[in-house]
């Protein structure tokens, strides 16, 4: 989806890296949500990979099965966000009359 919004490879790289690190920090991937300030925690819960991170942590560290609510909510969340991002990408590509051909 990043490549649809950016005109050059450099801007896509900057946008990807600039969004990855805050996303990883606030989603509980690097620092757990329980240790965050309540404002950061509330922001973290609306990010796309937070529930997936909690699900992975429950599978790997706690040995919970797929039937546990924390685990299957993570899988449902990931599936939902994939659908949302696919839909946004399709809409933007159709609005822009296709993908831009940057390489010559």
N, C-alpha and C. Protein backbone atom coordinates (compact mmCIF):
# COMPACT_ATOMS: atom_id res chain seq x y z
N UNK A 1 0.82 -1.19 0.00
CA UNK A 1 0.00 0.00 0.00
C UNK A 1 0.87 1.25 0.00
N UNK A 2 2.04 1.17 0.59
CA UNK A 2 2.93 2.33 0.63
C UNK A 2 3.31 2.76 -0.78
N UNK A 3 3.58 1.80 -1.65
CA UNK A 3 4.00 2.14 -3.01
C UNK A 3 2.91 2.82 -3.82
N UNK A 4 1.66 2.61 -3.45
CA UNK A 4 0.56 3.25 -4.15
C UNK A 4 0.51 4.74 -3.84
N UNK A 5 0.91 5.11 -2.63
CA UNK A 5 0.83 6.51 -2.20
C UNK A 5 2.08 7.31 -2.52
N UNK A 6 3.19 6.66 -2.83
CA UNK A 6 4.46 7.35 -3.05
C UNK A 6 4.84 7.37 -4.52
N UNK A 7 5.50 8.47 -4.92
CA UNK A 7 5.90 8.61 -6.32
C UNK A 7 7.28 8.04 -6.62
N UNK A 8 8.16 7.99 -5.63
CA UNK A 8 9.52 7.51 -5.86
C UNK A 8 9.85 6.39 -4.88
N UNK A 9 10.89 5.64 -5.22
CA UNK A 9 11.35 4.57 -4.35
C UNK A 9 11.85 5.12 -3.02
N UNK A 10 12.51 6.25 -3.07
CA UNK A 10 13.06 6.86 -1.86
C UNK A 10 11.96 7.27 -0.90
N UNK A 11 10.91 7.90 -1.41
CA UNK A 11 9.82 8.31 -0.52
C UNK A 11 9.07 7.10 0.03
N UNK A 12 8.97 6.03 -0.75
CA UNK A 12 8.34 4.80 -0.24
C UNK A 12 9.18 4.19 0.87
N UNK A 13 10.50 4.22 0.71
CA UNK A 13 11.39 3.70 1.76
C UNK A 13 11.27 4.52 3.03
N UNK A 14 11.28 5.84 2.89
CA UNK A 14 11.15 6.71 4.06
C UNK A 14 9.80 6.52 4.75
N UNK A 15 8.74 6.40 3.96
CA UNK A 15 7.42 6.21 4.55
C UNK A 15 7.31 4.85 5.24
N UNK A 16 7.88 3.82 4.63
CA UNK A 16 7.84 2.49 5.24
C UNK A 16 8.61 2.42 6.53
N UNK A 17 9.84 2.95 6.52
CA UNK A 17 10.65 2.94 7.74
C UNK A 17 10.09 3.88 8.80
N UNK A 18 9.58 5.03 8.36
CA UNK A 18 9.02 5.99 9.30
C UNK A 18 7.74 5.51 9.96
N UNK A 19 7.03 4.62 9.33
CA UNK A 19 5.81 4.09 9.95
C UNK A 19 6.06 2.78 10.70
N UNK A 20 7.12 2.04 10.32
CA UNK A 20 7.36 0.75 10.96
C UNK A 20 7.79 0.90 12.42
N UNK A 21 8.74 1.76 12.69
CA UNK A 21 9.29 1.85 14.04
C UNK A 21 8.26 2.34 15.07
N UNK A 22 7.49 3.41 14.80
CA UNK A 22 6.43 3.76 15.77
C UNK A 22 5.38 2.66 15.91
N UNK A 23 5.06 2.00 14.79
CA UNK A 23 4.08 0.91 14.84
C UNK A 23 4.58 -0.23 15.70
N UNK A 24 5.85 -0.59 15.55
CA UNK A 24 6.42 -1.68 16.34
C UNK A 24 6.52 -1.30 17.82
N UNK A 25 6.86 -0.06 18.11
CA UNK A 25 6.99 0.37 19.50
C UNK A 25 5.63 0.43 20.20
N UNK A 26 4.62 0.97 19.52
CA UNK A 26 3.33 1.19 20.15
C UNK A 26 2.40 -0.01 20.10
N UNK A 27 2.74 -1.03 19.33
CA UNK A 27 1.86 -2.19 19.23
C UNK A 27 2.20 -3.28 20.24
N UNK A 28 3.22 -3.07 21.04
CA UNK A 28 3.59 -4.06 22.03
C UNK A 28 4.62 -5.05 21.53
N UNK A 29 5.17 -4.83 20.35
CA UNK A 29 6.16 -5.74 19.81
C UNK A 29 7.49 -5.63 20.55
N UNK A 30 7.90 -4.41 20.87
CA UNK A 30 9.18 -4.17 21.54
C UNK A 30 8.97 -3.96 23.03
N UNK A 31 7.98 -3.17 23.39
CA UNK A 31 7.66 -2.89 24.79
C UNK A 31 6.22 -3.31 25.03
N UNK A 32 5.93 -4.13 26.05
CA UNK A 32 4.56 -4.61 26.25
C UNK A 32 3.59 -3.49 26.60
N UNK A 33 2.35 -3.67 26.19
CA UNK A 33 1.33 -2.64 26.43
C UNK A 33 1.10 -2.39 27.91
N UNK A 34 1.28 -3.41 28.73
CA UNK A 34 1.05 -3.25 30.16
C UNK A 34 2.02 -2.27 30.80
N UNK A 35 3.19 -2.07 30.20
CA UNK A 35 4.18 -1.16 30.74
C UNK A 35 4.10 0.25 30.18
N UNK A 36 3.14 0.51 29.32
CA UNK A 36 3.01 1.82 28.69
C UNK A 36 2.10 2.73 29.50
N UNK A 37 2.27 4.03 29.30
CA UNK A 37 1.37 5.02 29.86
C UNK A 37 -0.02 4.78 29.27
N UNK A 38 -1.06 5.13 30.01
CA UNK A 38 -2.42 4.80 29.56
C UNK A 38 -2.77 5.48 28.24
N UNK A 39 -2.22 6.64 27.96
CA UNK A 39 -2.51 7.31 26.69
C UNK A 39 -1.87 6.53 25.54
N UNK A 40 -0.61 6.13 25.70
CA UNK A 40 0.05 5.34 24.66
C UNK A 40 -0.62 3.98 24.49
N UNK A 41 -1.07 3.40 25.60
CA UNK A 41 -1.75 2.10 25.53
C UNK A 41 -3.04 2.21 24.74
N UNK A 42 -3.80 3.30 24.94
CA UNK A 42 -5.05 3.46 24.20
C UNK A 42 -4.78 3.68 22.71
N UNK A 43 -3.68 4.34 22.37
CA UNK A 43 -3.29 4.48 20.96
C UNK A 43 -2.86 3.12 20.42
N UNK A 44 -2.14 2.35 21.23
CA UNK A 44 -1.65 1.05 20.79
C UNK A 44 -2.75 0.07 20.43
N UNK A 45 -3.88 0.14 21.11
CA UNK A 45 -4.95 -0.83 20.84
C UNK A 45 -5.62 -0.61 19.49
N UNK A 46 -5.48 0.57 18.90
CA UNK A 46 -6.12 0.80 17.59
C UNK A 46 -5.18 0.51 16.42
N UNK A 47 -3.93 0.15 16.70
CA UNK A 47 -2.98 -0.14 15.63
C UNK A 47 -3.24 -1.53 15.03
N UNK A 48 -2.90 -1.72 13.77
CA UNK A 48 -3.24 -2.97 13.08
C UNK A 48 -2.58 -4.23 13.62
N UNK A 49 -1.39 -4.16 14.20
CA UNK A 49 -0.70 -5.39 14.58
C UNK A 49 -0.69 -5.65 16.08
N UNK A 50 -1.41 -4.87 16.86
CA UNK A 50 -1.40 -5.05 18.31
C UNK A 50 -2.01 -6.39 18.72
N UNK A 51 -3.19 -6.69 18.23
CA UNK A 51 -3.83 -7.95 18.61
C UNK A 51 -3.07 -9.15 18.04
N UNK A 52 -2.47 -8.98 16.88
CA UNK A 52 -1.65 -10.06 16.32
C UNK A 52 -0.41 -10.31 17.18
N UNK A 53 0.18 -9.25 17.69
CA UNK A 53 1.33 -9.39 18.57
C UNK A 53 0.95 -10.09 19.87
N UNK A 54 -0.18 -9.70 20.44
CA UNK A 54 -0.67 -10.37 21.65
C UNK A 54 -0.97 -11.84 21.38
N UNK A 55 -1.53 -12.12 20.21
CA UNK A 55 -1.83 -13.50 19.83
C UNK A 55 -0.55 -14.32 19.70
N UNK A 56 0.45 -13.77 19.05
CA UNK A 56 1.72 -14.48 18.90
C UNK A 56 2.38 -14.72 20.25
N UNK A 57 2.32 -13.72 21.12
CA UNK A 57 2.90 -13.87 22.46
C UNK A 57 2.16 -14.96 23.24
N UNK A 58 0.85 -15.02 23.10
CA UNK A 58 0.07 -16.05 23.79
C UNK A 58 0.37 -17.45 23.25
N UNK A 59 0.58 -17.55 21.94
CA UNK A 59 0.92 -18.84 21.35
C UNK A 59 2.31 -19.31 21.74
N UNK A 60 3.27 -18.41 21.69
CA UNK A 60 4.66 -18.82 21.90
C UNK A 60 5.06 -18.89 23.37
N UNK A 61 4.68 -17.92 24.17
CA UNK A 61 5.15 -17.88 25.56
C UNK A 61 4.20 -18.59 26.52
N UNK A 62 2.91 -18.49 26.26
CA UNK A 62 1.93 -19.05 27.20
C UNK A 62 1.40 -20.41 26.76
N UNK A 63 1.72 -20.81 25.53
CA UNK A 63 1.30 -22.10 24.99
C UNK A 63 -0.22 -22.26 24.96
N UNK A 64 -0.93 -21.17 24.64
CA UNK A 64 -2.37 -21.24 24.49
C UNK A 64 -2.72 -21.76 23.11
N UNK A 65 -3.88 -22.38 22.99
CA UNK A 65 -4.30 -22.94 21.69
C UNK A 65 -5.04 -21.88 20.88
N UNK A 66 -5.38 -22.24 19.66
CA UNK A 66 -6.08 -21.34 18.75
C UNK A 66 -7.49 -21.03 19.24
N UNK A 67 -8.03 -21.87 20.12
CA UNK A 67 -9.39 -21.66 20.61
C UNK A 67 -9.47 -20.63 21.73
N UNK A 68 -8.34 -20.20 22.25
CA UNK A 68 -8.35 -19.19 23.31
C UNK A 68 -8.73 -17.84 22.69
N UNK A 69 -9.57 -17.05 23.38
CA UNK A 69 -10.04 -15.78 22.80
C UNK A 69 -8.92 -14.82 22.39
N UNK A 70 -7.87 -14.74 23.16
CA UNK A 70 -6.77 -13.84 22.81
C UNK A 70 -6.13 -14.25 21.49
N UNK A 71 -6.00 -15.54 21.28
CA UNK A 71 -5.33 -16.04 20.07
C UNK A 71 -6.22 -15.86 18.85
N UNK A 72 -7.47 -16.28 18.92
CA UNK A 72 -8.29 -16.17 17.70
C UNK A 72 -8.68 -14.73 17.41
N UNK A 73 -8.73 -13.85 18.42
CA UNK A 73 -8.97 -12.43 18.14
C UNK A 73 -7.80 -11.84 17.35
N UNK A 74 -6.59 -12.30 17.64
CA UNK A 74 -5.43 -11.85 16.87
C UNK A 74 -5.50 -12.28 15.42
N UNK A 75 -5.93 -13.52 15.19
CA UNK A 75 -6.07 -14.00 13.81
C UNK A 75 -7.20 -13.27 13.08
N UNK A 76 -8.31 -13.03 13.76
CA UNK A 76 -9.41 -12.29 13.15
C UNK A 76 -9.01 -10.85 12.85
N UNK A 77 -8.28 -10.24 13.77
CA UNK A 77 -7.81 -8.87 13.57
C UNK A 77 -6.87 -8.78 12.37
N UNK A 78 -5.93 -9.70 12.28
CA UNK A 78 -4.99 -9.70 11.15
C UNK A 78 -5.74 -9.88 9.83
N UNK A 79 -6.70 -10.79 9.81
CA UNK A 79 -7.48 -11.01 8.59
C UNK A 79 -8.29 -9.77 8.22
N UNK A 80 -8.88 -9.14 9.21
CA UNK A 80 -9.65 -7.92 8.96
C UNK A 80 -8.80 -6.78 8.43
N UNK A 81 -7.63 -6.57 9.04
CA UNK A 81 -6.74 -5.50 8.58
C UNK A 81 -6.20 -5.78 7.19
N UNK A 82 -5.93 -7.04 6.87
CA UNK A 82 -5.50 -7.38 5.51
C UNK A 82 -6.59 -7.01 4.51
N UNK A 83 -7.84 -7.32 4.86
CA UNK A 83 -8.96 -6.95 3.99
C UNK A 83 -9.10 -5.45 3.83
N UNK A 84 -8.95 -4.70 4.92
CA UNK A 84 -9.05 -3.24 4.85
C UNK A 84 -7.94 -2.66 3.97
N UNK A 85 -6.71 -3.11 4.18
CA UNK A 85 -5.59 -2.59 3.40
C UNK A 85 -5.72 -2.98 1.93
N UNK A 86 -6.21 -4.17 1.64
CA UNK A 86 -6.43 -4.56 0.24
C UNK A 86 -7.49 -3.68 -0.41
N UNK A 87 -8.57 -3.42 0.31
CA UNK A 87 -9.64 -2.59 -0.21
C UNK A 87 -9.16 -1.17 -0.48
N UNK A 88 -8.41 -0.59 0.46
CA UNK A 88 -7.88 0.76 0.27
C UNK A 88 -6.93 0.80 -0.92
N UNK A 89 -6.09 -0.21 -1.05
CA UNK A 89 -5.15 -0.26 -2.18
C UNK A 89 -5.89 -0.35 -3.51
N UNK A 90 -6.91 -1.19 -3.58
CA UNK A 90 -7.69 -1.33 -4.82
C UNK A 90 -8.38 -0.03 -5.17
N UNK A 91 -8.95 0.64 -4.17
CA UNK A 91 -9.64 1.91 -4.42
C UNK A 91 -8.67 2.97 -4.92
N UNK A 92 -7.51 3.08 -4.29
CA UNK A 92 -6.53 4.10 -4.70
C UNK A 92 -5.98 3.80 -6.09
N UNK A 93 -5.72 2.53 -6.39
CA UNK A 93 -5.22 2.18 -7.73
C UNK A 93 -6.25 2.49 -8.79
N UNK A 94 -7.52 2.19 -8.53
CA UNK A 94 -8.57 2.50 -9.51
C UNK A 94 -8.75 4.01 -9.66
N UNK A 95 -8.63 4.74 -8.56
CA UNK A 95 -8.76 6.19 -8.62
C UNK A 95 -7.63 6.82 -9.41
N UNK A 96 -6.42 6.26 -9.31
CA UNK A 96 -5.26 6.79 -10.02
C UNK A 96 -5.11 6.20 -11.42
N UNK A 97 -6.07 5.47 -11.89
CA UNK A 97 -6.04 4.83 -13.22
C UNK A 97 -4.84 3.90 -13.37
N UNK A 98 -4.62 3.07 -12.38
CA UNK A 98 -3.56 2.08 -12.45
C UNK A 98 -2.33 2.49 -11.67
N UNK A 99 -1.37 1.59 -11.65
CA UNK A 99 -0.11 1.85 -10.96
C UNK A 99 0.79 2.71 -11.83
N UNK A 100 1.59 3.52 -11.17
CA UNK A 100 2.55 4.35 -11.90
C UNK A 100 3.76 3.51 -12.29
N UNK A 101 4.27 3.73 -13.47
CA UNK A 101 5.47 3.04 -13.92
C UNK A 101 6.65 3.99 -13.75
N UNK A 102 7.41 3.80 -12.67
CA UNK A 102 8.51 4.70 -12.35
C UNK A 102 9.77 4.32 -13.11
N UNK A 103 10.02 3.03 -13.28
CA UNK A 103 11.25 2.60 -13.96
C UNK A 103 11.13 2.84 -15.46
N UNK A 104 12.25 3.28 -16.05
CA UNK A 104 12.22 3.59 -17.49
C UNK A 104 13.23 2.79 -18.24
